[in-house]
Amino acid sequence: MLETVVEILKKSGVTAWELSAVQEEGWEFYFIRHALDQNRAKKLEEITLKVFQLSEDGASLGSASAQLPVTASRAEAEKLVADLAYRATLVKNKPYTLRGPAPAEAAEEPAIDVPAIARSFLETVRSLPETETEDVNSYELFVSAKTRRFLNSEGVDVTESWPESMLETVVNARDGEREIELYRATYAGGCDAQALREDLERSMRCGRDRLRAVPTPALGRADVLFGSKAAAELYRYFADRVNAQMVYRRMSDWELFKPIAEDIRGDKVTVKAVRELPNSSRNRRYDPEGAPIRDLTLLEESVPVHFVGNRMFSSYLGLEDSFMPTNISVSGGTHSEEELRSGAYLEAVEFSDFQVDALTGDIFGEIRLAYWHDGDTVTPVTGGSLSGSMNDFVKDMRLSAALRQYNSIRIPALTRLAGVTVTGAE
């Protein structure tokens, strides 16, 4: 079918085209407690087409995309291409050209052992030390091996494979009067058994502490320590601000080789795009448009040194060798855990919602569980919120030297922000 679609696209008269074909084979498991409720194997195939049309006067380029059922007939494929060609004429973007072929790279496709990955996840969950008051309610596991072939009208034709996994876990905690559930979604490629076990054990402790938490006091401005998954959003802010689309549309005012803030007193931030991270579900050799992915420093000591992004906005900025990063790595800071855990501070652990606005830099989080550290006293608290602006926080961030990874992003294990507004629970 793929060859037929390519033939149709070549004969269609469209200005340019892209084609992506993804095959997925995987296993799914559904457990209640630790009893298997059901499991199944899956085998899927997906074909996505994107066509581009240059206006008659050459002043604009439009595009349109859609999925083509793998069971489609030739007539149905021809109709879809014709429909997309028309829809593309309704879009008016500044013209640009698609990515051309890169020099061939000798690389072996990874051997993806779906049963072995699934076994590691399941054995890790089963090994958790449950108690009468904290245990696993249920969990669902999805493990797949994916293979993608990408082609375009400029001659790009690349194929790669990778594993993808997702574990959904519900942990229960009870104290005789109340019972709560904590939901965890773990995304990965392979299984990092040690990190997964630590995260789920921490979830059980959080459930226990949530039951005895008191309302969050109105702290006004306070230091806040981030050491959970929410911290990843703080660092995605930096990666978003060097994205070509943000820069071109002036949604980011960062400039190459100019510090992102003046008078930085704390740790400066270094952000890199990396092709591989251990057990990441986004270890790819090519981005969605067929551009080769490589290790590249984006922000060095809080100074932008490279902008990257999709082909359209990279072309507008004159970035011919750009790409869309898949994994992000942030360098560690200069502080030990002991240094970051000194003095009075709020340790934010669980949020019902946590957001970092890449446009304004504003952060906001509704607290489900935090710990107020005041001298030798540590008090679990819940409710209230925290807010502030990354535009201010970047001047006095304190980062741990130790790192921690959350699927496709590796960041300092602990991040301490100064002057965060903490609103108490009513």
Protein backbone atom coordinates (compact mmCIF):
# COMPACT_ATOMS: atom_id res chain seq x y z
CA MET A 1 0.00 0.00 0.00
CA LEU A 2 2.82 2.40 0.84
CA GLU A 3 4.32 2.25 -2.64
CA THR A 4 0.89 2.90 -4.14
CA VAL A 5 0.40 5.99 -1.99
CA VAL A 6 3.85 7.31 -2.96
CA GLU A 7 2.99 6.79 -6.64
CA ILE A 8 -0.30 8.69 -6.19
CA LEU A 9 1.46 11.56 -4.42
CA LYS A 10 4.10 11.85 -7.14
CA LYS A 11 1.42 12.02 -9.84
CA SER A 12 -0.91 14.33 -7.92
CA GLY A 13 0.70 17.61 -8.94
CA VAL A 14 1.02 18.89 -5.36
CA THR A 15 4.00 21.14 -4.62
CA ALA A 16 5.46 18.82 -1.99
CA TRP A 17 4.45 15.99 0.33
CA GLU A 18 5.39 13.99 3.42
CA LEU A 19 4.39 10.45 4.34
CA SER A 20 4.76 8.71 7.69
CA ALA A 21 4.00 5.01 8.20
CA VAL A 22 4.12 3.62 11.75
CA GLN A 23 3.82 -0.04 12.72
CA GLU A 24 3.25 -0.98 16.35
CA GLU A 25 3.31 -4.38 18.03
CA GLY A 26 2.75 -4.66 21.73
CA TRP A 27 1.24 -6.21 24.84
CA GLU A 28 -1.30 -4.84 27.29
CA PHE A 29 -1.98 -5.99 30.86
CA TYR A 30 -4.75 -5.02 33.30
CA PHE A 31 -4.43 -5.93 36.99
CA ILE A 32 -6.78 -5.56 39.95
CA ARG A 33 -4.56 -5.67 43.01
CA HIS A 34 -2.01 -8.15 41.68
CA ALA A 35 -4.54 -10.42 39.97
CA LEU A 36 -4.48 -10.34 36.19
CA ASP A 37 -7.90 -9.22 34.97
CA GLN A 38 -7.15 -9.35 31.23
CA ASN A 39 -4.32 -9.05 28.75
CA ARG A 40 -4.01 -8.86 25.00
CA ALA A 41 -1.59 -8.43 22.16
CA LYS A 42 -1.96 -5.65 19.62
CA LYS A 43 -0.68 -4.99 16.12
CA LEU A 44 -1.43 -1.64 14.52
CA GLU A 45 -0.43 0.28 11.43
CA GLU A 46 -0.95 3.96 10.75
CA ILE A 47 -0.29 6.03 7.64
CA THR A 48 -0.29 9.84 7.75
CA LEU A 49 -0.13 12.06 4.67
CA LYS A 50 0.73 15.74 4.48
CA VAL A 51 0.62 17.72 1.27
CA PHE A 52 1.84 21.24 0.47
CA GLN A 53 0.54 23.63 -2.18
CA LEU A 54 2.26 26.79 -3.36
CA SER A 55 -0.10 29.59 -4.38
CA GLU A 56 -0.26 30.57 -8.02
CA ASP A 57 1.67 33.77 -7.37
CA GLY A 58 4.24 31.91 -5.25
CA ALA A 59 3.60 34.19 -2.29
CA SER A 60 2.30 31.56 0.13
CA LEU A 61 2.54 27.87 0.94
CA GLY A 62 -0.28 25.91 2.53
CA SER A 63 -0.44 22.42 3.97
CA ALA A 64 -3.00 19.87 5.11
CA SER A 65 -2.68 16.42 6.66
CA ALA A 66 -4.81 13.38 7.46
CA GLN A 67 -4.57 9.70 8.25
CA LEU A 68 -5.17 7.14 5.54
CA PRO A 69 -6.71 3.82 6.63
CA VAL A 70 -4.34 0.96 5.79
CA THR A 71 -7.33 -0.85 4.29
CA ALA A 72 -8.07 2.01 1.89
CA SER A 73 -8.41 1.27 -1.80
CA ARG A 74 -6.45 3.12 -4.48
CA ALA A 75 -9.53 5.18 -5.29
CA GLU A 76 -9.91 6.18 -1.65
CA ALA A 77 -6.24 7.15 -1.45
CA GLU A 78 -6.53 9.26 -4.60
CA LYS A 79 -9.61 11.01 -3.20
CA LEU A 80 -7.86 11.78 0.08
CA VAL A 81 -4.83 13.26 -1.71
CA ALA A 82 -7.13 15.41 -3.86
CA ASP A 83 -9.02 16.60 -0.77
CA LEU A 84 -5.79 17.47 1.02
CA ALA A 85 -4.49 19.32 -2.04
CA TYR A 86 -7.58 21.52 -2.00
CA ARG A 87 -7.49 22.09 1.77
CA ALA A 88 -3.83 23.11 1.50
CA THR A 89 -4.78 25.99 -0.82
CA LEU A 90 -6.82 27.51 2.01
CA VAL A 91 -3.74 27.94 4.23
CA LYS A 92 -1.45 30.92 3.64
CA ASN A 93 2.01 30.58 5.17
CA LYS A 94 5.27 32.13 4.10
CA PRO A 95 6.94 29.73 1.59
CA TYR A 96 9.70 27.36 2.68
CA THR A 97 11.21 24.12 1.39
CA LEU A 98 11.11 20.68 2.97
CA ARG A 99 14.06 18.87 4.49
CA GLY A 100 16.35 17.13 1.98
CA PRO A 101 18.28 13.88 2.52
CA ALA A 102 21.11 13.90 5.06
CA PRO A 103 24.32 11.89 4.65
CA ALA A 104 23.65 8.21 5.34
CA GLU A 105 24.42 7.17 8.90
CA ALA A 106 25.54 3.66 9.78
CA ALA A 107 23.43 2.60 12.74
CA GLU A 108 21.99 -0.66 13.96
CA GLU A 109 18.34 -0.73 14.90
CA PRO A 110 17.90 -1.66 18.57
CA ALA A 111 16.63 -5.12 19.42
CA ILE A 112 13.31 -4.49 21.18
CA ASP A 113 12.28 -7.31 23.50
CA VAL A 114 8.69 -6.47 24.43
CA PRO A 115 8.25 -9.52 26.73
CA ALA A 116 11.44 -8.67 28.64
CA ILE A 117 10.42 -5.02 29.10
CA ALA A 118 6.95 -6.03 30.27
CA ARG A 119 8.39 -8.61 32.65
CA SER A 120 10.65 -6.00 34.27
CA PHE A 121 7.75 -3.62 34.87
CA LEU A 122 5.50 -6.32 36.31
CA GLU A 123 8.17 -7.79 38.57
CA THR A 124 8.97 -4.33 39.92
CA VAL A 125 5.35 -3.58 40.82
CA ARG A 126 4.91 -7.01 42.41
CA SER A 127 8.03 -6.47 44.54
CA LEU A 128 6.73 -3.34 46.27
CA PRO A 129 6.65 -3.59 50.08
CA GLU A 130 2.94 -3.19 50.76
CA THR A 131 1.46 -2.78 54.25
CA GLU A 132 -2.00 -2.90 55.82
CA THR A 133 -2.32 0.84 55.29
CA GLU A 134 -0.54 1.37 51.93
CA ASP A 135 -0.84 -0.88 48.91
CA VAL A 136 -1.37 -1.09 45.16
CA ASN A 137 -5.03 -0.89 44.16
CA SER A 138 -4.62 -1.62 40.44
CA TYR A 139 -2.27 -1.11 37.52
CA GLU A 140 -2.26 -1.24 33.74
CA LEU A 141 0.78 -1.77 31.54
CA PHE A 142 1.22 -1.02 27.84
CA VAL A 143 4.48 -1.98 26.11
CA SER A 144 5.10 -1.60 22.37
CA ALA A 145 7.79 -1.83 19.73
CA LYS A 146 7.30 0.86 17.09
CA THR A 147 8.81 1.18 13.63
CA ARG A 148 8.40 4.34 11.57
CA ARG A 149 9.25 4.97 7.95
CA PHE A 150 9.27 8.59 6.83
CA LEU A 151 9.45 9.79 3.21
CA ASN A 152 9.07 13.15 1.54
CA SER A 153 9.10 14.64 -1.95
CA GLU A 154 12.69 15.89 -1.52
CA GLY A 155 14.10 12.36 -1.34
CA VAL A 156 14.18 11.72 2.42
CA ASP A 157 13.52 8.04 3.15
CA VAL A 158 14.43 6.92 6.68
CA THR A 159 13.30 4.12 8.98
CA GLU A 160 13.84 3.63 12.70
CA SER A 161 12.49 1.58 15.62
CA TRP A 162 12.07 2.26 19.33
CA PRO A 163 10.21 0.94 22.41
CA GLU A 164 7.40 2.77 24.19
CA SER A 165 5.88 1.89 27.56
CA MET A 166 3.28 3.32 29.88
CA LEU A 167 2.46 2.08 33.37
CA GLU A 168 -0.64 3.43 35.11
CA THR A 169 -0.72 2.71 38.83
CA VAL A 170 -3.28 3.50 41.52
CA VAL A 171 -1.90 3.43 45.07
CA ASN A 172 -4.19 3.39 48.12
CA ALA A 173 -3.50 4.71 51.60
CA ARG A 174 -5.84 4.46 54.63
CA ASP A 175 -5.85 5.30 58.32
CA GLY A 176 -8.96 3.56 59.59
CA GLU A 177 -11.23 6.54 59.02
CA ARG A 178 -10.32 7.68 55.52
CA GLU A 179 -8.87 6.23 52.36
CA ILE A 180 -7.34 8.04 49.40
CA GLU A 181 -5.99 7.06 46.00
CA LEU A 182 -2.92 8.40 44.23
CA TYR A 183 -2.62 7.95 40.47
CA ARG A 184 0.72 7.59 38.74
CA ALA A 185 1.40 7.51 34.98
CA THR A 186 4.93 6.40 34.15
CA TYR A 187 6.11 6.89 30.56
CA ALA A 188 9.30 5.22 29.38
CA GLY A 189 10.99 3.17 26.71
CA GLY A 190 12.51 0.34 28.71
CA CYS A 191 12.07 -0.17 32.44
CA ASP A 192 14.37 1.49 34.97
CA ALA A 193 13.41 -0.87 37.77
CA GLN A 194 15.20 0.99 40.54
CA ALA A 195 13.78 4.41 39.66
CA LEU A 196 10.28 2.96 39.22
CA ARG A 197 10.41 1.20 42.56
CA GLU A 198 11.62 4.36 44.32
CA ASP A 199 8.84 6.42 42.72
CA LEU A 200 6.07 4.00 43.71
CA GLU A 201 7.42 3.61 47.25
CA ARG A 202 7.49 7.40 47.49
CA SER A 203 3.88 7.47 46.28
CA MET A 204 2.84 5.20 49.14
CA ARG A 205 4.56 7.47 51.64
CA CYS A 206 2.87 10.48 50.08
CA GLY A 207 -0.50 8.77 50.50
CA ARG A 208 0.20 8.11 54.16
CA ASP A 209 1.35 11.68 54.77
CA ARG A 210 -1.57 13.14 52.83
CA LEU A 211 -3.96 11.59 55.36
CA ARG A 212 -2.31 13.43 58.26
CA ALA A 213 -1.63 16.70 56.45
CA VAL A 214 -2.89 20.00 57.87
CA PRO A 215 -3.95 23.06 55.84
CA THR A 216 -1.09 24.90 54.17
CA PRO A 217 -0.33 28.13 56.06
CA ALA A 218 -0.27 31.48 54.27
CA LEU A 219 3.50 31.84 54.00
CA GLY A 220 3.57 34.90 51.77
CA ARG A 221 6.95 34.79 50.03
CA ALA A 222 8.92 31.63 50.78
CA ASP A 223 11.59 29.34 49.36
CA VAL A 224 10.10 26.31 47.63
CA LEU A 225 11.99 23.08 46.96
CA PHE A 226 10.96 20.97 43.96
CA GLY A 227 12.00 17.32 43.93
CA SER A 228 9.22 15.57 42.04
CA LYS A 229 7.99 15.24 38.45
CA ALA A 230 6.48 18.74 38.50
CA ALA A 231 10.02 20.15 38.43
CA ALA A 232 10.32 19.01 34.82
CA GLU A 233 7.88 21.77 33.84
CA LEU A 234 10.28 24.37 35.20
CA TYR A 235 12.95 23.20 32.78
CA ARG A 236 10.66 22.70 29.79
CA TYR A 237 10.17 26.45 30.07
CA PHE A 238 13.82 26.94 29.08
CA ALA A 239 13.56 24.50 26.16
CA ASP A 240 10.36 26.16 24.93
CA ARG A 241 11.92 29.62 24.97
CA VAL A 242 14.65 28.60 22.49
CA ASN A 243 12.14 27.00 20.11
CA ALA A 244 12.21 28.57 16.64
CA GLN A 245 8.44 28.99 16.55
CA MET A 246 8.42 30.89 19.85
CA VAL A 247 11.29 33.10 18.70
CA TYR A 248 9.93 33.83 15.22
CA ARG A 249 6.49 34.71 16.54
CA ARG A 250 8.12 36.92 19.21
CA MET A 251 6.54 34.86 21.95
CA SER A 252 10.09 34.52 23.26
CA ASP A 253 12.27 37.60 23.52
CA TRP A 254 15.45 35.62 24.11
CA GLU A 255 18.35 36.41 21.81
CA LEU A 256 21.34 34.33 20.83
CA PHE A 257 24.44 34.95 22.95
CA LYS A 258 22.58 37.35 25.25
CA PRO A 259 21.95 36.32 28.92
CA ILE A 260 18.32 35.57 29.69
CA ALA A 261 18.50 37.77 32.81
CA GLU A 262 20.77 40.33 34.37
CA ASP A 263 22.40 39.99 37.80
CA ILE A 264 22.03 36.22 38.11
CA ARG A 265 23.06 35.33 41.66
CA GLY A 266 22.23 31.62 41.75
CA ASP A 267 23.09 28.68 39.53
CA LYS A 268 23.03 29.33 35.81
CA VAL A 269 21.15 26.87 33.61
CA THR A 270 22.59 24.76 30.80
CA VAL A 271 20.14 22.88 28.59
CA LYS A 272 21.08 20.37 25.89
CA ALA A 273 19.16 18.46 23.25
CA VAL A 274 20.38 14.86 23.37
CA ARG A 275 19.60 11.99 21.06
CA GLU A 276 19.60 9.32 23.74
CA LEU A 277 18.73 9.04 27.42
CA PRO A 278 18.61 5.69 29.24
CA ASN A 279 15.16 4.08 28.90
CA SER A 280 13.61 7.14 27.26
CA SER A 281 10.62 6.52 25.00
CA ARG A 282 11.90 9.29 22.71
CA ASN A 283 15.31 7.97 21.69
CA ARG A 284 15.13 8.73 17.96
CA ARG A 285 17.63 9.29 15.20
CA TYR A 286 15.24 11.48 13.21
CA ASP A 287 12.61 14.03 14.16
CA PRO A 288 9.01 13.89 12.83
CA GLU A 289 10.10 15.68 9.63
CA GLY A 290 13.07 13.43 8.91
CA ALA A 291 15.78 15.77 10.20
CA PRO A 292 18.71 14.00 11.93
CA ILE A 293 18.73 14.53 15.67
CA ARG A 294 22.06 15.26 17.33
CA ASP A 295 23.42 16.33 20.68
CA LEU A 296 23.39 20.12 20.81
CA THR A 297 23.70 22.72 23.55
CA LEU A 298 20.72 25.09 23.44
CA LEU A 299 21.31 27.19 26.55
CA GLU A 300 24.77 27.52 28.08
CA GLU A 301 25.13 29.08 31.51
CA SER A 302 21.77 30.87 30.99
CA VAL A 303 22.80 32.18 27.55
CA PRO A 304 20.96 30.92 24.41
CA VAL A 305 23.48 29.52 21.93
CA HIS A 306 21.19 27.66 19.49
CA PHE A 307 17.57 27.91 18.43
CA VAL A 308 15.90 24.73 17.14
CA GLY A 309 12.46 23.70 15.93
CA ASN A 310 10.39 22.48 13.02
CA ARG A 311 11.31 23.04 9.40
CA MET A 312 8.93 25.91 8.73
CA PHE A 313 9.96 28.24 11.55
CA SER A 314 13.61 27.19 11.40
CA SER A 315 13.65 28.16 7.73
CA TYR A 316 12.15 31.54 8.54
CA LEU A 317 15.04 32.13 10.97
CA GLY A 318 17.64 30.85 8.50
CA LEU A 319 18.43 27.69 10.53
CA GLU A 320 19.14 25.14 7.83
CA ASP A 321 20.49 22.35 10.05
CA SER A 322 17.79 22.62 12.71
CA PHE A 323 15.66 19.80 14.14
CA MET A 324 12.99 19.14 16.74
CA PRO A 325 14.61 17.83 19.96
CA THR A 326 13.19 14.69 21.51
CA ASN A 327 15.23 14.37 24.73
CA ILE A 328 16.36 17.23 26.97
CA SER A 329 19.21 17.14 29.49
CA VAL A 330 19.82 19.90 32.06
CA SER A 331 23.21 20.10 33.73
CA GLY A 332 23.44 19.81 37.50
CA GLY A 333 24.09 22.80 39.72
CA THR A 334 26.59 23.51 42.46
CA HIS A 335 24.63 22.48 45.56
CA SER A 336 24.41 19.32 47.66
CA GLU A 337 21.12 18.00 48.98
CA GLU A 338 22.14 19.09 52.49
CA GLU A 339 22.67 22.67 51.33
CA LEU A 340 19.32 22.80 49.54
CA ARG A 341 17.53 21.36 52.57
CA SER A 342 18.77 23.97 55.02
CA GLY A 343 16.74 26.74 56.65
CA ALA A 344 12.99 27.24 56.32
CA TYR A 345 11.33 26.13 53.07
CA LEU A 346 8.27 24.46 51.60
CA GLU A 347 8.97 21.15 49.85
CA ALA A 348 6.33 20.82 47.10
CA VAL A 349 5.56 17.19 46.27
CA GLU A 350 2.04 16.73 44.86
CA PHE A 351 -0.09 19.09 42.80
CA SER A 352 -3.63 18.76 41.50
CA ASP A 353 -2.43 21.11 38.76
CA PHE A 354 0.96 22.64 37.99
CA GLN A 355 1.67 24.91 35.03
CA VAL A 356 4.51 27.00 33.68
CA ASP A 357 3.49 29.44 30.95
CA ALA A 358 6.26 29.56 28.35
CA LEU A 359 4.98 32.90 27.03
CA THR A 360 4.78 34.89 30.27
CA GLY A 361 6.97 32.78 32.56
CA ASP A 362 4.18 32.59 35.15
CA ILE A 363 3.97 29.47 37.29
CA PHE A 364 0.98 28.23 39.25
CA GLY A 365 0.31 25.10 41.26
CA GLU A 366 -2.53 23.85 43.45
CA ILE A 367 -0.95 21.99 46.35
CA ARG A 368 -2.11 18.48 47.22
CA LEU A 369 0.85 17.62 49.41
CA ALA A 370 3.88 19.57 50.57
CA TYR A 371 6.13 19.59 53.62
CA TRP A 372 6.78 22.76 55.59
CA HIS A 373 10.33 22.59 56.97
CA ASP A 374 10.85 24.99 59.86
CA GLY A 375 13.98 24.20 61.80
CA ASP A 376 13.71 20.66 63.16
CA THR A 377 9.94 20.55 62.51
CA VAL A 378 8.57 18.98 59.33
CA THR A 379 4.80 19.28 58.82
CA PRO A 380 2.81 17.69 55.94
CA VAL A 381 0.43 20.30 54.49
CA THR A 382 -2.26 20.34 51.85
CA GLY A 383 -4.37 22.91 50.01
CA GLY A 384 -3.49 26.39 48.96
CA SER A 385 -1.32 27.26 46.00
CA LEU A 386 2.00 28.64 44.89
CA SER A 387 2.70 31.17 42.16
CA GLY A 388 5.35 33.47 40.76
CA SER A 389 7.34 34.15 37.62
CA MET A 390 10.29 32.36 36.08
CA ASN A 391 11.47 35.78 34.95
CA ASP A 392 12.26 36.44 38.61
CA PHE A 393 13.22 32.93 39.69
CA VAL A 394 15.99 32.50 37.08
CA LYS A 395 18.03 35.10 38.95
CA ASP A 396 18.36 33.02 42.10
CA MET A 397 17.81 29.35 41.28
CA ARG A 398 19.72 26.82 43.32
CA LEU A 399 20.19 23.42 41.69
CA SER A 400 21.47 20.12 43.00
CA ALA A 401 24.54 18.56 41.46
CA ALA A 402 22.69 15.22 41.45
CA LEU A 403 20.37 14.54 38.51
CA ARG A 404 17.09 12.71 38.06
CA GLN A 405 15.36 11.58 34.88
CA TYR A 406 11.68 11.67 34.00
CA ASN A 407 11.39 9.71 30.74
CA SER A 408 12.70 12.12 28.08
CA ILE A 409 14.01 14.88 30.35
CA ARG A 410 16.93 14.73 32.79
CA ILE A 411 17.08 17.54 35.34
CA PRO A 412 18.63 18.42 38.70
CA ALA A 413 17.11 16.14 41.34
CA LEU A 414 16.33 19.17 43.53
CA THR A 415 15.53 22.74 42.52
CA ARG A 416 15.09 25.54 45.05
CA LEU A 417 13.30 28.73 44.06
CA ALA A 418 13.35 31.86 46.21
CA GLY A 419 10.49 34.25 46.79
CA VAL A 420 7.62 32.02 45.64
CA THR A 421 4.18 33.27 46.69
CA VAL A 422 2.51 30.61 48.84
CA THR A 423 -1.21 31.12 49.45
CA GLY A 424 -2.67 29.24 52.39
CA ALA A 425 -5.59 26.84 52.34
CA GLU A 426 -8.88 28.50 53.24
